[in-house]
C-alpha atoms as a PDB file:
ATOM      1  CA  LEU A   1      -0.142  11.749   5.014  1.00  0.00           C
ATOM      2  CA  LEU A   2       1.819  10.669   2.436  1.00  0.00           C
ATOM      3  CA  SER A   3       1.383   6.808   4.240  1.00  0.00           C
ATOM      4  CA  VAL A   4      -2.208   7.865   4.388  1.00  0.00           C
ATOM      5  CA  PHE A   5      -2.198   8.874   0.343  1.00  0.00           C
ATOM      6  CA  MET A   6       0.021   5.342  -0.751  1.00  0.00           C
ATOM      7  CA  LEU A   7      -2.799   3.564   1.428  1.00  0.00           C
ATOM      8  CA  VAL A   8      -5.602   4.372  -0.410  1.00  0.00           C
ATOM      9  CA  LEU A   9      -3.823   4.333  -3.400  1.00  0.00           C
ATOM     10  CA  ILE A  10      -3.317   0.739  -2.613  1.00  0.00           C
ATOM     11  CA  PHE A  11      -5.925  -0.640  -1.238  1.00  0.00           C
ATOM     12  CA  ALA A  12      -8.096   1.616  -4.465  1.00  0.00           C
ATOM     13  CA  TRP A  13      -5.800  -0.201  -7.135  1.00  0.00           C
ATOM     14  CA  GLY A  14      -6.111  -3.868  -5.635  1.00  0.00           C
ATOM     15  CA  GLY A  15     -10.248  -2.813  -5.272  1.00  0.00           C
ATOM     16  CA  PHE A  16     -10.381  -2.539  -8.485  1.00  0.00           C
ATOM     17  CA  LEU A  17      -8.954  -4.917 -10.329  1.00  0.00           C
ATOM     18  CA  LEU A  18     -10.514  -6.940  -7.423  1.00  0.00           C
ATOM     19  CA  PHE A  19     -14.040  -5.974  -7.335  1.00  0.00           C
ATOM     20  CA  SER A  20     -15.024  -3.995 -10.508  1.00  0.00           C
ATOM     21  CA  PRO A  21     -17.130  -7.118 -12.243  1.00  0.00           C
ATOM     22  CA  SER A  22     -18.986  -7.414  -9.291  1.00  0.00           C
ATOM     23  CA  TYR A  23     -19.435  -3.270  -9.982  1.00  0.00           C
ATOM     24  CA  THR A  24     -19.950  -3.375 -13.052  1.00  0.00           C
ATOM     25  CA  ASP A  25     -22.306  -5.872 -13.235  1.00  0.00           C
ATOM     26  CA  SER A  26     -24.747  -4.878 -10.928  1.00  0.00           C
ATOM     27  CA  SER A  27     -28.079  -2.874 -11.678  1.00  0.00           C
ATOM     28  CA  ASP A  28     -27.785  -1.271  -8.698  1.00  0.00           C
ATOM     29  CA  VAL A  29     -26.792   2.281  -8.531  1.00  0.00           C
ATOM     30  CA  THR A  30     -25.575   4.066  -5.447  1.00  0.00           C
ATOM     31  CA  ASN A  31     -26.502   7.592  -4.926  1.00  0.00           C
ATOM     32  CA  PHE A  32     -23.246   8.615  -4.687  1.00  0.00           C
ATOM     33  CA  ASN A  33     -21.627   7.004  -7.272  1.00  0.00           C
ATOM     34  CA  VAL A  34     -19.634   5.042  -4.412  1.00  0.00           C
ATOM     35  CA  ASP A  35     -18.557   2.510  -6.110  1.00  0.00           C
ATOM     36  CA  LEU A  36     -15.095   0.479  -7.202  1.00  0.00           C
ATOM     37  CA  SER A  37     -15.939  -0.003 -10.866  1.00  0.00           C
ATOM     38  CA  SER A  38     -13.137   2.663 -12.451  1.00  0.00           C
ATOM     39  CA  PHE A  39     -10.464   3.882 -11.036  1.00  0.00           C
ATOM     40  CA  PRO A  40     -10.494   7.122  -9.982  1.00  0.00           C
ATOM     41  CA  ARG A  41     -14.137   5.851  -8.475  1.00  0.00           C
ATOM     42  CA  ALA A  42     -11.870   3.820  -6.299  1.00  0.00           C
ATOM     43  CA  LEU A  43      -9.896   6.205  -5.163  1.00  0.00           C
ATOM     44  CA  GLN A  44     -12.922   9.184  -3.912  1.00  0.00           C
ATOM     45  CA  SER A  45     -14.973   5.547  -2.165  1.00  0.00           C
ATOM     46  CA  LEU A  46     -12.279   4.126  -0.260  1.00  0.00           C
ATOM     47  CA  PHE A  47     -11.580   8.415   0.644  1.00  0.00           C
ATOM     48  CA  VAL A  48     -15.509   8.520   1.701  1.00  0.00           C
ATOM     49  CA  LEU A  49     -14.427   5.216   3.654  1.00  0.00           C
ATOM     50  CA  LEU A  50     -11.304   6.381   5.126  1.00  0.00           C
ATOM     51  CA  THR A  51     -13.798   9.001   7.248  1.00  0.00           C
ATOM     52  CA  CYS A  52     -16.169   5.514   7.767  1.00  0.00           C
ATOM     53  CA  ALA A  53     -18.889   7.114   6.082  1.00  0.00           C
ATOM     54  CA  ASN A  54     -21.363   5.804   3.674  1.00  0.00           C
ATOM     55  CA  PHE A  55     -19.969   2.063   4.446  1.00  0.00           C
ATOM     56  CA  PRO A  56     -22.711   0.174   3.010  1.00  0.00           C
ATOM     57  CA  ASP A  57     -22.854   1.684  -0.349  1.00  0.00           C
ATOM     58  CA  VAL A  58     -19.462   0.934  -1.118  1.00  0.00           C
ATOM     59  CA  ALA A  59     -18.860  -2.083   0.761  1.00  0.00           C
ATOM     60  CA  LEU A  60     -22.436  -4.167  -0.527  1.00  0.00           C
ATOM     61  CA  PRO A  61     -21.791  -4.822  -3.786  1.00  0.00           C
ATOM     62  CA  ALA A  62     -18.509  -6.802  -3.360  1.00  0.00           C
ATOM     63  CA  ILE A  63     -19.720  -8.276  -0.743  1.00  0.00           C
ATOM     64  CA  SER A  64     -23.258  -9.806  -2.418  1.00  0.00           C
ATOM     65  CA  SER A  65     -20.907 -10.758  -4.955  1.00  0.00           C
ATOM     66  CA  SER A  66     -18.000 -12.666  -2.596  1.00  0.00           C
ATOM     67  CA  ARG A  67     -18.620 -12.827   1.229  1.00  0.00           C
ATOM     68  CA  LEU A  68     -14.433 -12.999   1.452  1.00  0.00           C
ATOM     69  CA  SER A  69     -14.294  -9.777  -0.028  1.00  0.00           C
ATOM     70  CA  VAL A  70     -15.087  -8.937   3.971  1.00  0.00           C
ATOM     71  CA  ILE A  71     -11.771  -9.544   4.280  1.00  0.00           C
ATOM     72  CA  PHE A  72     -10.838  -6.496   2.458  1.00  0.00           C
ATOM     73  CA  PHE A  73     -12.736  -4.094   3.566  1.00  0.00           C
ATOM     74  CA  VAL A  74     -12.157  -4.658   7.011  1.00  0.00           C
ATOM     75  CA  ALA A  75      -8.179  -4.708   6.116  1.00  0.00           C
ATOM     76  CA  PHE A  76      -8.176  -1.249   4.853  1.00  0.00           C
ATOM     77  CA  VAL A  77     -10.889   0.157   7.588  1.00  0.00           C
ATOM     78  CA  VAL A  78      -8.440  -1.158   9.925  1.00  0.00           C
ATOM     79  CA  ALA A  79      -5.320   0.100   8.544  1.00  0.00           C
ATOM     80  CA  GLY A  80      -6.629   3.297   7.334  1.00  0.00           C
ATOM     81  CA  CYS A  81      -9.385   4.761  10.614  1.00  0.00           C
ATOM     82  CA  TRP A  82      -7.433   3.122  13.215  1.00  0.00           C
ATOM     83  CA  LEU A  83      -3.409   3.078  12.221  1.00  0.00           C
ATOM     84  CA  ALA A  84      -3.076   5.641   9.532  1.00  0.00           C
ATOM     85  CA  GLN A  85      -5.031   8.088  10.566  1.00  0.00           C
ATOM     86  CA  SER A  86      -3.720   7.279  14.615  1.00  0.00           C
ATOM     87  CA  LEU A  87      -0.022   8.167  12.957  1.00  0.00           C
ATOM     88  CA  VAL A  88      -1.770  11.300  11.239  1.00  0.00           C
ATOM     89  CA  LEU A  89      -2.997  12.693  14.104  1.00  0.00           C
ATOM     90  CA  ALA A  90      -0.424  11.877  16.445  1.00  0.00           C
ATOM     91  CA  THR A  91       2.820  13.150  14.241  1.00  0.00           C
ATOM     92  CA  VAL A  92      -0.041  16.706  14.081  1.00  0.00           C
ATOM     93  CA  PHE A  93      -0.367  17.019  18.287  1.00  0.00           C
ATOM     94  CA  ALA A  94       3.635  16.413  18.690  1.00  0.00           C
ATOM     95  CA  ALA A  95       3.359  18.829  16.136  1.00  0.00           C
ATOM     96  CA  PHE A  96       1.601  21.663  17.160  1.00  0.00           C
ATOM     97  CA  LYS A  97       3.261  20.482  20.799  1.00  0.00           C
ATOM     98  CA  GLU A  98       6.334  21.929  19.860  1.00  0.00           C
END
């Protein structure tokens, strides 16, 4: 569980540093305040993205400013949704089995 939190923390910090200008400059306001314009909002947005919900709301402002930002979001989804959450599920299942 700590590894998932650290993953979200590191990616939120990186996303805030890389993409905060593309969220603050855009006039399009998202419905749920999901963006990377500030560090607390980046943490919240990447936690929402970790559940694979609202992917377009989080990713589209950054992708519209630079197509290379797709690498950031794909890396986060692969590392977060497929690897980290699978490890947490395996740990919980192993503890349940004992």
